[in-house]
C-alpha cells in the first residue's frame, strides 16, 4: 500500500541538498509528486508531497531528519474530493502600507477563494519617494465567483491598488 505525505522543512541550504534528498527518496521507492522550494538569505524552505510504500515511511523520515535542517515536519495527506474550482493568476501593485496582505487575505476568505500561492515584495521607488508593494498571487475561485468580480473586489480595497495580468491558470 502507498501513502502520500507532505514533508516540510526549513534550514540552512547547502549545495546538492535537494539532489541528495531526491536520490535517497528514489532509492526508497518514493516519488516526489510536487514541490515548492524557496531560498532566502542562505536558508531553504520546502514543501514536498511524497508518495511512498507505507513500509518505507520511517526510513523516509530518517532521510529528511538527517539532512541537517532545523525543522522537519511530516503530515499524512488525505486525498479529498473537492468542488471544481477555476484557477486565476494575477499581479497586484499598490503604494506600500501596513496591512495590505491582511486586507487581501480577509477578502479572499470572505469570498471563499483559496489562496494557492503568494509571493510579495516591497521595493523603494525614488520617483515616488516611498515604497511599492507588489505581489504575484495564484487563487482557486469557487464556481459562484467570476474573475471580473474578484478583480473589482480587490481593486476596491484601496484606490491605489491595481490588479495586473489577471489570467486563468
N, C-alpha and C. Protein backbone atom coordinates (compact mmCIF):
# COMPACT_ATOMS: atom_id res chain seq x y z
N UNK A 1 0.84 -1.18 0.00
CA UNK A 1 0.00 0.00 0.00
C UNK A 1 0.89 1.25 0.00
N UNK A 2 0.45 2.26 -0.74
CA UNK A 2 1.21 3.51 -0.76
C UNK A 2 0.49 4.56 0.08
N UNK A 3 1.28 5.49 0.59
CA UNK A 3 0.75 6.62 1.34
C UNK A 3 1.33 7.89 0.74
N UNK A 4 0.60 8.98 0.94
CA UNK A 4 1.08 10.28 0.48
C UNK A 4 1.32 11.13 1.71
N UNK A 5 2.51 11.71 1.78
CA UNK A 5 2.93 12.51 2.93
C UNK A 5 3.40 13.87 2.45
N UNK A 6 3.05 14.90 3.20
CA UNK A 6 3.57 16.23 2.95
C UNK A 6 4.75 16.43 3.88
N UNK A 7 5.92 16.68 3.30
CA UNK A 7 7.14 16.92 4.07
C UNK A 7 7.44 18.41 3.97
N UNK A 8 7.59 19.06 5.11
CA UNK A 8 8.00 20.47 5.10
C UNK A 8 9.28 20.58 5.90
N UNK A 9 10.20 21.39 5.40
CA UNK A 9 11.43 21.59 6.16
C UNK A 9 12.00 22.97 5.91
N UNK A 10 12.70 23.47 6.91
CA UNK A 10 13.33 24.78 6.88
C UNK A 10 14.71 24.64 7.50
N UNK A 11 15.70 25.30 6.91
CA UNK A 11 17.03 25.27 7.50
C UNK A 11 18.06 25.87 6.58
N UNK A 12 19.30 25.70 6.94
CA UNK A 12 20.41 26.21 6.13
C UNK A 12 20.52 25.42 4.85
N UNK A 13 20.70 26.14 3.77
CA UNK A 13 20.86 25.49 2.48
C UNK A 13 22.32 25.11 2.28
N UNK A 14 22.53 24.10 1.47
CA UNK A 14 23.88 23.73 1.06
C UNK A 14 23.80 23.18 -0.34
N UNK A 15 24.87 23.32 -1.11
CA UNK A 15 24.85 22.79 -2.48
C UNK A 15 24.56 21.29 -2.47
N UNK A 16 23.68 20.86 -3.36
CA UNK A 16 23.38 19.44 -3.50
C UNK A 16 22.35 18.89 -2.53
N UNK A 17 21.80 19.71 -1.65
CA UNK A 17 20.84 19.21 -0.65
C UNK A 17 19.64 18.54 -1.32
N UNK A 18 18.99 19.23 -2.24
CA UNK A 18 17.81 18.64 -2.88
C UNK A 18 18.16 17.43 -3.72
N UNK A 19 19.29 17.47 -4.39
CA UNK A 19 19.73 16.32 -5.19
C UNK A 19 19.90 15.10 -4.29
N UNK A 20 20.55 15.29 -3.12
CA UNK A 20 20.76 14.18 -2.19
C UNK A 20 19.43 13.64 -1.67
N UNK A 21 18.52 14.53 -1.30
CA UNK A 21 17.22 14.09 -0.79
C UNK A 21 16.43 13.34 -1.86
N UNK A 22 16.41 13.88 -3.08
CA UNK A 22 15.68 13.22 -4.17
C UNK A 22 16.27 11.84 -4.46
N UNK A 23 17.57 11.74 -4.45
CA UNK A 23 18.23 10.46 -4.71
C UNK A 23 17.88 9.42 -3.64
N UNK A 24 17.92 9.83 -2.38
CA UNK A 24 17.60 8.91 -1.29
C UNK A 24 16.13 8.52 -1.31
N UNK A 25 15.26 9.44 -1.67
CA UNK A 25 13.83 9.12 -1.80
C UNK A 25 13.63 8.08 -2.89
N UNK A 26 14.28 8.30 -4.02
CA UNK A 26 14.17 7.37 -5.14
C UNK A 26 14.63 5.97 -4.73
N UNK A 27 15.72 5.89 -3.99
CA UNK A 27 16.23 4.59 -3.54
C UNK A 27 15.23 3.87 -2.64
N UNK A 28 14.39 4.62 -1.95
CA UNK A 28 13.37 4.01 -1.07
C UNK A 28 12.07 3.70 -1.82
N UNK A 29 12.03 4.03 -3.11
CA UNK A 29 10.81 3.80 -3.89
C UNK A 29 9.79 4.90 -3.72
N UNK A 30 10.21 6.06 -3.22
CA UNK A 30 9.31 7.19 -3.04
C UNK A 30 9.34 8.08 -4.28
N UNK A 31 8.22 8.74 -4.55
CA UNK A 31 8.12 9.66 -5.69
C UNK A 31 7.73 11.04 -5.19
N UNK A 32 8.43 12.07 -5.67
CA UNK A 32 8.04 13.45 -5.39
C UNK A 32 6.91 13.79 -6.35
N UNK A 33 5.71 13.99 -5.84
CA UNK A 33 4.56 14.30 -6.69
C UNK A 33 4.56 15.77 -7.10
N UNK A 34 4.82 16.64 -6.16
CA UNK A 34 5.00 18.05 -6.45
C UNK A 34 5.71 18.70 -5.28
N UNK A 35 6.29 19.87 -5.56
CA UNK A 35 7.07 20.52 -4.51
C UNK A 35 7.07 22.02 -4.71
N UNK A 36 7.36 22.71 -3.64
CA UNK A 36 7.52 24.16 -3.63
C UNK A 36 8.75 24.43 -2.79
N UNK A 37 9.78 25.00 -3.41
CA UNK A 37 11.05 25.23 -2.72
C UNK A 37 11.43 26.69 -2.88
N UNK A 38 11.83 27.32 -1.79
CA UNK A 38 12.28 28.71 -1.83
C UNK A 38 13.59 28.85 -1.08
N UNK A 39 14.42 29.74 -1.61
CA UNK A 39 15.69 30.07 -0.96
C UNK A 39 15.64 31.54 -0.60
N UNK A 40 16.08 31.86 0.60
CA UNK A 40 16.09 33.24 1.04
C UNK A 40 17.19 33.42 2.06
N UNK A 41 18.16 34.24 1.75
CA UNK A 41 19.23 34.55 2.69
C UNK A 41 20.00 33.34 3.18
N UNK A 42 20.33 32.42 2.29
CA UNK A 42 21.10 31.24 2.68
C UNK A 42 20.28 30.14 3.35
N UNK A 43 18.98 30.36 3.42
CA UNK A 43 18.07 29.38 4.02
C UNK A 43 17.22 28.74 2.93
N UNK A 44 16.72 27.54 3.23
CA UNK A 44 15.82 26.84 2.32
C UNK A 44 14.53 26.55 3.08
N UNK A 45 13.42 26.70 2.38
CA UNK A 45 12.11 26.31 2.92
C UNK A 45 11.44 25.49 1.83
N UNK A 46 10.94 24.32 2.18
CA UNK A 46 10.38 23.44 1.16
C UNK A 46 9.14 22.73 1.65
N UNK A 47 8.24 22.50 0.71
CA UNK A 47 7.08 21.63 0.90
C UNK A 47 7.15 20.61 -0.22
N UNK A 48 7.12 19.35 0.13
CA UNK A 48 7.23 18.30 -0.88
C UNK A 48 6.16 17.26 -0.59
N UNK A 49 5.32 16.99 -1.59
CA UNK A 49 4.31 15.94 -1.45
C UNK A 49 4.91 14.67 -2.03
N UNK A 50 5.04 13.66 -1.16
CA UNK A 50 5.76 12.43 -1.50
C UNK A 50 4.81 11.23 -1.41
N UNK A 51 4.84 10.40 -2.45
CA UNK A 51 4.11 9.13 -2.44
C UNK A 51 5.14 8.03 -2.23
N UNK A 52 4.84 7.11 -1.30
CA UNK A 52 5.83 6.08 -0.99
C UNK A 52 5.15 4.81 -0.49
N UNK A 53 5.89 3.70 -0.54
CA UNK A 53 5.36 2.49 0.08
C UNK A 53 5.23 2.73 1.59
N UNK A 54 4.11 2.34 2.15
CA UNK A 54 3.84 2.61 3.57
C UNK A 54 4.95 2.08 4.47
N UNK A 55 5.51 0.93 4.13
CA UNK A 55 6.55 0.32 4.98
C UNK A 55 7.87 1.10 4.95
N UNK A 56 8.01 2.05 4.05
CA UNK A 56 9.24 2.85 3.95
C UNK A 56 9.13 4.22 4.64
N UNK A 57 7.98 4.51 5.25
CA UNK A 57 7.76 5.85 5.80
C UNK A 57 8.74 6.20 6.92
N UNK A 58 9.08 5.25 7.77
CA UNK A 58 10.01 5.53 8.86
C UNK A 58 11.40 5.83 8.29
N UNK A 59 11.81 5.08 7.28
CA UNK A 59 13.10 5.33 6.66
C UNK A 59 13.13 6.69 5.96
N UNK A 60 12.02 7.05 5.32
CA UNK A 60 11.96 8.34 4.65
C UNK A 60 12.07 9.48 5.67
N UNK A 61 11.40 9.33 6.79
CA UNK A 61 11.51 10.36 7.83
C UNK A 61 12.96 10.49 8.30
N UNK A 62 13.67 9.39 8.43
CA UNK A 62 15.08 9.44 8.83
C UNK A 62 15.93 10.19 7.81
N UNK A 63 15.62 10.00 6.53
CA UNK A 63 16.36 10.69 5.47
C UNK A 63 16.22 12.20 5.65
N UNK A 64 14.99 12.67 5.82
CA UNK A 64 14.77 14.11 5.92
C UNK A 64 15.27 14.67 7.26
N UNK A 65 15.10 13.91 8.32
CA UNK A 65 15.58 14.40 9.62
C UNK A 65 17.12 14.46 9.66
N UNK A 66 17.76 13.65 8.84
CA UNK A 66 19.22 13.64 8.81
C UNK A 66 19.82 14.66 7.86
N UNK A 67 18.99 15.47 7.21
CA UNK A 67 19.53 16.41 6.21
C UNK A 67 20.13 17.66 6.85
N UNK A 68 19.99 17.82 8.16
CA UNK A 68 20.58 18.97 8.84
C UNK A 68 19.68 20.19 8.92
N UNK A 69 18.46 20.07 8.44
CA UNK A 69 17.54 21.21 8.51
C UNK A 69 17.03 21.38 9.93
N UNK A 70 16.70 22.60 10.27
CA UNK A 70 16.28 22.94 11.63
C UNK A 70 14.93 22.34 11.98
N UNK A 71 13.98 22.40 11.04
CA UNK A 71 12.62 21.98 11.34
C UNK A 71 12.12 21.09 10.21
N UNK A 72 11.77 19.86 10.53
CA UNK A 72 11.21 18.93 9.55
C UNK A 72 9.89 18.44 10.11
N UNK A 73 8.86 18.46 9.27
CA UNK A 73 7.53 18.02 9.72
C UNK A 73 6.91 17.13 8.65
N UNK A 74 6.21 16.09 9.10
CA UNK A 74 5.55 15.15 8.20
C UNK A 74 4.06 15.14 8.51
N UNK A 75 3.26 15.22 7.46
CA UNK A 75 1.81 15.19 7.61
C UNK A 75 1.24 14.27 6.55
N UNK A 76 0.52 13.24 6.99
CA UNK A 76 -0.10 12.35 6.02
C UNK A 76 -1.21 13.11 5.31
N UNK A 77 -1.26 12.95 3.99
CA UNK A 77 -2.23 13.66 3.19
C UNK A 77 -3.42 12.76 2.94
N UNK A 78 -4.59 13.25 3.29
CA UNK A 78 -5.83 12.55 3.00
C UNK A 78 -6.38 13.16 1.71
N UNK A 79 -6.38 12.39 0.65
CA UNK A 79 -6.90 12.90 -0.62
C UNK A 79 -8.39 13.15 -0.45
N UNK A 80 -8.82 14.34 -0.84
CA UNK A 80 -10.22 14.70 -0.69
C UNK A 80 -10.80 15.09 -2.03
N UNK A 81 -12.08 14.82 -2.17
CA UNK A 81 -12.77 15.25 -3.37
C UNK A 81 -13.27 16.66 -3.11
N UNK A 82 -12.97 17.55 -4.05
CA UNK A 82 -13.32 18.95 -3.87
C UNK A 82 -14.15 19.41 -5.05
N UNK A 83 -14.93 20.43 -4.79
CA UNK A 83 -15.70 21.01 -5.89
C UNK A 83 -14.75 21.59 -6.92
N UNK A 84 -15.20 21.61 -8.15
CA UNK A 84 -14.38 22.14 -9.24
C UNK A 84 -14.16 23.64 -9.03
N UNK A 85 -12.92 24.07 -9.10
CA UNK A 85 -12.58 25.48 -8.95
C UNK A 85 -11.71 25.90 -10.12
N UNK A 86 -11.91 27.11 -10.57
CA UNK A 86 -11.04 27.63 -11.62
C UNK A 86 -9.87 28.35 -10.95
N UNK A 87 -8.73 28.29 -11.59
CA UNK A 87 -7.53 28.90 -11.02
C UNK A 87 -7.24 30.21 -11.75
N UNK A 88 -6.81 31.21 -10.98
CA UNK A 88 -6.53 32.53 -11.50
C UNK A 88 -5.17 32.98 -11.00
N UNK A 89 -4.35 33.50 -11.92
CA UNK A 89 -3.06 34.10 -11.55
C UNK A 89 -3.17 35.59 -11.81
N UNK A 90 -2.68 36.37 -10.85
CA UNK A 90 -2.73 37.81 -11.03
C UNK A 90 -1.58 38.48 -10.32
N UNK A 91 -1.35 39.73 -10.70
CA UNK A 91 -0.34 40.55 -10.04
C UNK A 91 -1.06 41.74 -9.44
N UNK A 92 -0.62 42.15 -8.26
CA UNK A 92 -1.22 43.28 -7.55
C UNK A 92 -0.11 44.26 -7.21
N UNK A 93 -0.37 45.54 -7.46
CA UNK A 93 0.58 46.61 -7.12
C UNK A 93 -0.17 47.67 -6.31
N UNK A 94 0.53 48.28 -5.35
CA UNK A 94 -0.05 49.36 -4.56
C UNK A 94 1.07 50.13 -3.87
N UNK A 95 0.74 51.31 -3.44
CA UNK A 95 1.67 52.04 -2.58
C UNK A 95 1.76 51.25 -1.28
N UNK A 96 2.96 51.02 -0.81
CA UNK A 96 3.15 50.18 0.38
C UNK A 96 2.57 50.84 1.62
N UNK A 97 1.91 50.02 2.42
CA UNK A 97 1.37 50.45 3.70
C UNK A 97 1.14 49.20 4.55
N UNK A 98 1.11 49.34 5.86
CA UNK A 98 0.84 48.18 6.71
C UNK A 98 -0.55 47.61 6.44
N UNK A 99 -0.66 46.30 6.42
CA UNK A 99 -1.96 45.64 6.36
C UNK A 99 -2.45 45.21 4.99
N UNK A 100 -1.67 45.42 3.93
CA UNK A 100 -2.15 45.05 2.60
C UNK A 100 -2.41 43.54 2.51
N UNK A 101 -1.47 42.73 2.95
CA UNK A 101 -1.66 41.27 2.87
C UNK A 101 -2.85 40.85 3.72
N UNK A 102 -3.02 41.46 4.89
CA UNK A 102 -4.17 41.16 5.74
C UNK A 102 -5.48 41.49 5.02
N UNK A 103 -5.53 42.65 4.37
CA UNK A 103 -6.74 43.04 3.66
C UNK A 103 -7.05 42.07 2.52
N UNK A 104 -6.04 41.66 1.78
CA UNK A 104 -6.25 40.72 0.68
C UNK A 104 -6.73 39.37 1.20
N UNK A 105 -6.06 38.83 2.21
CA UNK A 105 -6.46 37.51 2.70
C UNK A 105 -7.83 37.54 3.35
N UNK A 106 -8.20 38.64 3.99
CA UNK A 106 -9.56 38.77 4.55
C UNK A 106 -10.60 38.73 3.43
N UNK A 107 -10.33 39.45 2.35
CA UNK A 107 -11.23 39.46 1.20
C UNK A 107 -11.36 38.05 0.61
N UNK A 108 -10.23 37.37 0.41
CA UNK A 108 -10.27 36.02 -0.14
C UNK A 108 -11.10 35.10 0.73
N UNK A 109 -10.94 35.21 2.04
CA UNK A 109 -11.69 34.36 2.97
C UNK A 109 -13.19 34.64 2.88
N UNK A 110 -13.57 35.91 2.85
CA UNK A 110 -15.00 36.28 2.76
C UNK A 110 -15.63 35.75 1.48
N UNK A 111 -14.86 35.70 0.39
CA UNK A 111 -15.38 35.27 -0.90
C UNK A 111 -15.27 33.76 -1.12
N UNK A 112 -14.66 33.04 -0.17
CA UNK A 112 -14.49 31.60 -0.34
C UNK A 112 -13.41 31.25 -1.35
N UNK A 113 -12.47 32.18 -1.55
CA UNK A 113 -11.38 31.99 -2.50
C UNK A 113 -10.20 31.36 -1.78
N UNK A 114 -9.63 30.33 -2.39
CA UNK A 114 -8.48 29.63 -1.80
C UNK A 114 -7.19 30.24 -2.32
N UNK A 115 -6.33 30.68 -1.40
CA UNK A 115 -5.02 31.23 -1.76
C UNK A 115 -4.07 30.06 -1.97
N UNK A 116 -3.59 29.90 -3.20
CA UNK A 116 -2.69 28.81 -3.55
C UNK A 116 -1.24 29.23 -3.40
N UNK A 117 -0.93 30.46 -3.86
CA UNK A 117 0.44 30.93 -3.83
C UNK A 117 0.45 32.45 -3.73
N UNK A 118 1.35 32.96 -2.91
CA UNK A 118 1.52 34.40 -2.75
C UNK A 118 3.00 34.69 -2.62
N UNK A 119 3.50 35.52 -3.53
CA UNK A 119 4.89 35.97 -3.43
C UNK A 119 4.86 37.49 -3.48
N UNK A 120 5.25 38.12 -2.38
CA UNK A 120 5.16 39.58 -2.32
C UNK A 120 6.53 40.19 -2.08
N UNK A 121 6.65 41.45 -2.52
CA UNK A 121 7.89 42.20 -2.37
C UNK A 121 7.56 43.65 -2.07
N UNK A 122 8.46 44.30 -1.39
CA UNK A 122 8.39 45.74 -1.16
C UNK A 122 9.64 46.35 -1.76
N UNK A 123 9.42 47.35 -2.60
CA UNK A 123 10.56 47.96 -3.30
C UNK A 123 10.51 49.47 -3.13
N UNK A 124 11.67 50.05 -2.91
CA UNK A 124 11.76 51.50 -2.86
C UNK A 124 11.74 52.08 -4.27
N UNK A 125 10.94 53.12 -4.46
CA UNK A 125 10.87 53.80 -5.76
C UNK A 125 11.18 55.26 -5.51
N UNK A 126 12.35 55.67 -5.97
CA UNK A 126 12.85 57.03 -5.74
C UNK A 126 11.86 58.07 -6.27
N UNK A 127 11.33 57.83 -7.48
CA UNK A 127 10.42 58.78 -8.10
C UNK A 127 9.17 59.03 -7.25
N UNK A 128 8.74 58.02 -6.51
CA UNK A 128 7.55 58.15 -5.67
C UNK A 128 7.89 58.61 -4.25
N UNK A 129 9.16 58.55 -3.91
CA UNK A 129 9.57 58.93 -2.57
C UNK A 129 9.08 57.97 -1.51
N UNK A 130 8.90 56.73 -1.88
CA UNK A 130 8.42 55.73 -0.91
C UNK A 130 8.55 54.32 -1.47
N UNK A 131 7.82 53.41 -0.86
CA UNK A 131 7.87 52.01 -1.24
C UNK A 131 6.62 51.59 -1.99
N UNK A 132 6.80 50.59 -2.84
CA UNK A 132 5.69 49.99 -3.58
C UNK A 132 5.58 48.53 -3.15
N UNK A 133 4.35 48.08 -2.94
CA UNK A 133 4.05 46.68 -2.65
C UNK A 133 3.65 46.04 -3.97
N UNK A 134 4.24 44.88 -4.27
CA UNK A 134 3.85 44.13 -5.45
C UNK A 134 3.75 42.66 -5.07
N UNK A 135 2.78 41.97 -5.65
CA UNK A 135 2.58 40.56 -5.31
C UNK A 135 2.12 39.79 -6.53
N UNK A 136 2.61 38.58 -6.65
CA UNK A 136 2.11 37.60 -7.61
C UNK A 136 1.26 36.62 -6.82
N UNK A 137 0.04 36.41 -7.24
CA UNK A 137 -0.91 35.61 -6.47
C UNK A 137 -1.57 34.57 -7.37
N UNK A 138 -1.70 33.36 -6.88
CA UNK A 138 -2.47 32.32 -7.55
C UNK A 138 -3.62 31.93 -6.63
N UNK A 139 -4.82 31.89 -7.19
CA UNK A 139 -6.03 31.65 -6.40
C UNK A 139 -6.87 30.56 -7.06
N UNK A 140 -7.61 29.82 -6.24
CA UNK A 140 -8.65 28.92 -6.71
C UNK A 140 -9.98 29.58 -6.41
N UNK A 141 -10.78 29.84 -7.46
CA UNK A 141 -12.05 30.52 -7.30
C UNK A 141 -13.20 29.52 -7.19
N UNK A 142 -14.13 29.76 -6.28
CA UNK A 142 -15.32 28.91 -6.23
C UNK A 142 -16.19 29.21 -7.46
N UNK A 143 -17.06 28.29 -7.84
CA UNK A 143 -17.85 28.47 -9.06
C UNK A 143 -18.70 29.74 -9.09
N UNK A 144 -19.11 30.23 -7.94
CA UNK A 144 -20.00 31.39 -7.91
C UNK A 144 -19.28 32.73 -8.04
N UNK A 145 -17.96 32.74 -8.09
CA UNK A 145 -17.18 33.99 -8.21
C UNK A 145 -16.51 34.02 -9.58
N UNK A 146 -16.71 35.10 -10.32
CA UNK A 146 -16.03 35.24 -11.60
C UNK A 146 -14.73 36.01 -11.41
N UNK A 147 -13.86 35.88 -12.39
CA UNK A 147 -12.59 36.61 -12.38
C UNK A 147 -12.85 38.11 -12.29
N UNK A 148 -13.78 38.61 -13.07
CA UNK A 148 -14.08 40.04 -13.10
C UNK A 148 -14.58 40.53 -11.75
N UNK A 149 -15.46 39.75 -11.10
CA UNK A 149 -15.97 40.13 -9.78
C UNK A 149 -14.83 40.23 -8.77
N UNK A 150 -13.94 39.25 -8.79
CA UNK A 150 -12.86 39.25 -7.81
C UNK A 150 -11.90 40.41 -8.05
N UNK A 151 -11.56 40.69 -9.30
CA UNK A 151 -10.66 41.81 -9.60
C UNK A 151 -11.28 43.11 -9.11
N UNK A 152 -12.58 43.30 -9.34
CA UNK A 152 -13.27 44.51 -8.87
C UNK A 152 -13.20 44.61 -7.36
N UNK A 153 -13.43 43.50 -6.66
CA UNK A 153 -13.37 43.48 -5.19
C UNK A 153 -11.96 43.83 -4.69
N UNK A 154 -10.95 43.25 -5.32
CA UNK A 154 -9.57 43.52 -4.90
C UNK A 154 -9.25 45.00 -5.08
N UNK A 155 -9.60 45.54 -6.23
CA UNK A 155 -9.28 46.95 -6.50
C UNK A 155 -10.08 47.91 -5.63
N UNK A 156 -11.18 47.44 -5.05
CA UNK A 156 -11.98 48.30 -4.17
C UNK A 156 -11.38 48.41 -2.76
N UNK A 157 -10.38 47.60 -2.46
CA UNK A 157 -9.74 47.66 -1.14
C UNK A 157 -9.15 49.03 -0.90
N UNK A 158 -8.48 49.57 -1.93
CA UNK A 158 -7.88 50.91 -1.82
C UNK A 158 -7.77 51.49 -3.22
N UNK A 159 -7.82 52.80 -3.31
CA UNK A 159 -7.80 53.48 -4.59
C UNK A 159 -6.52 53.28 -5.38
N UNK A 160 -5.42 53.01 -4.69
CA UNK A 160 -4.15 52.87 -5.40
C UNK A 160 -3.80 51.42 -5.70
N UNK A 161 -4.65 50.49 -5.30
CA UNK A 161 -4.39 49.07 -5.52
C UNK A 161 -4.83 48.70 -6.93
N UNK A 162 -3.91 48.16 -7.73
CA UNK A 162 -4.17 47.83 -9.13
C UNK A 162 -3.89 46.37 -9.37
N UNK A 163 -4.80 45.69 -10.06
CA UNK A 163 -4.60 44.30 -10.46
C UNK A 163 -4.11 44.31 -11.91
N UNK A 164 -2.99 43.64 -12.13
CA UNK A 164 -2.42 43.50 -13.47
C UNK A 164 -2.39 42.02 -13.85
N UNK A 165 -2.43 41.76 -15.11
CA UNK A 165 -2.17 40.40 -15.64
C UNK A 165 -3.04 39.33 -15.01
N UNK A 166 -4.33 39.56 -14.82
CA UNK A 166 -5.22 38.53 -14.29
C UNK A 166 -5.54 37.56 -15.42
N UNK A 167 -5.03 36.32 -15.31
CA UNK A 167 -5.23 35.32 -16.35
C UNK A 167 -5.59 33.98 -15.72
N UNK A 168 -6.50 33.26 -16.37
CA UNK A 168 -6.78 31.90 -15.88
C UNK A 168 -5.53 31.04 -15.96
N UNK A 169 -5.33 30.21 -14.97
CA UNK A 169 -4.15 29.35 -14.94
C UNK A 169 -4.48 27.97 -15.45
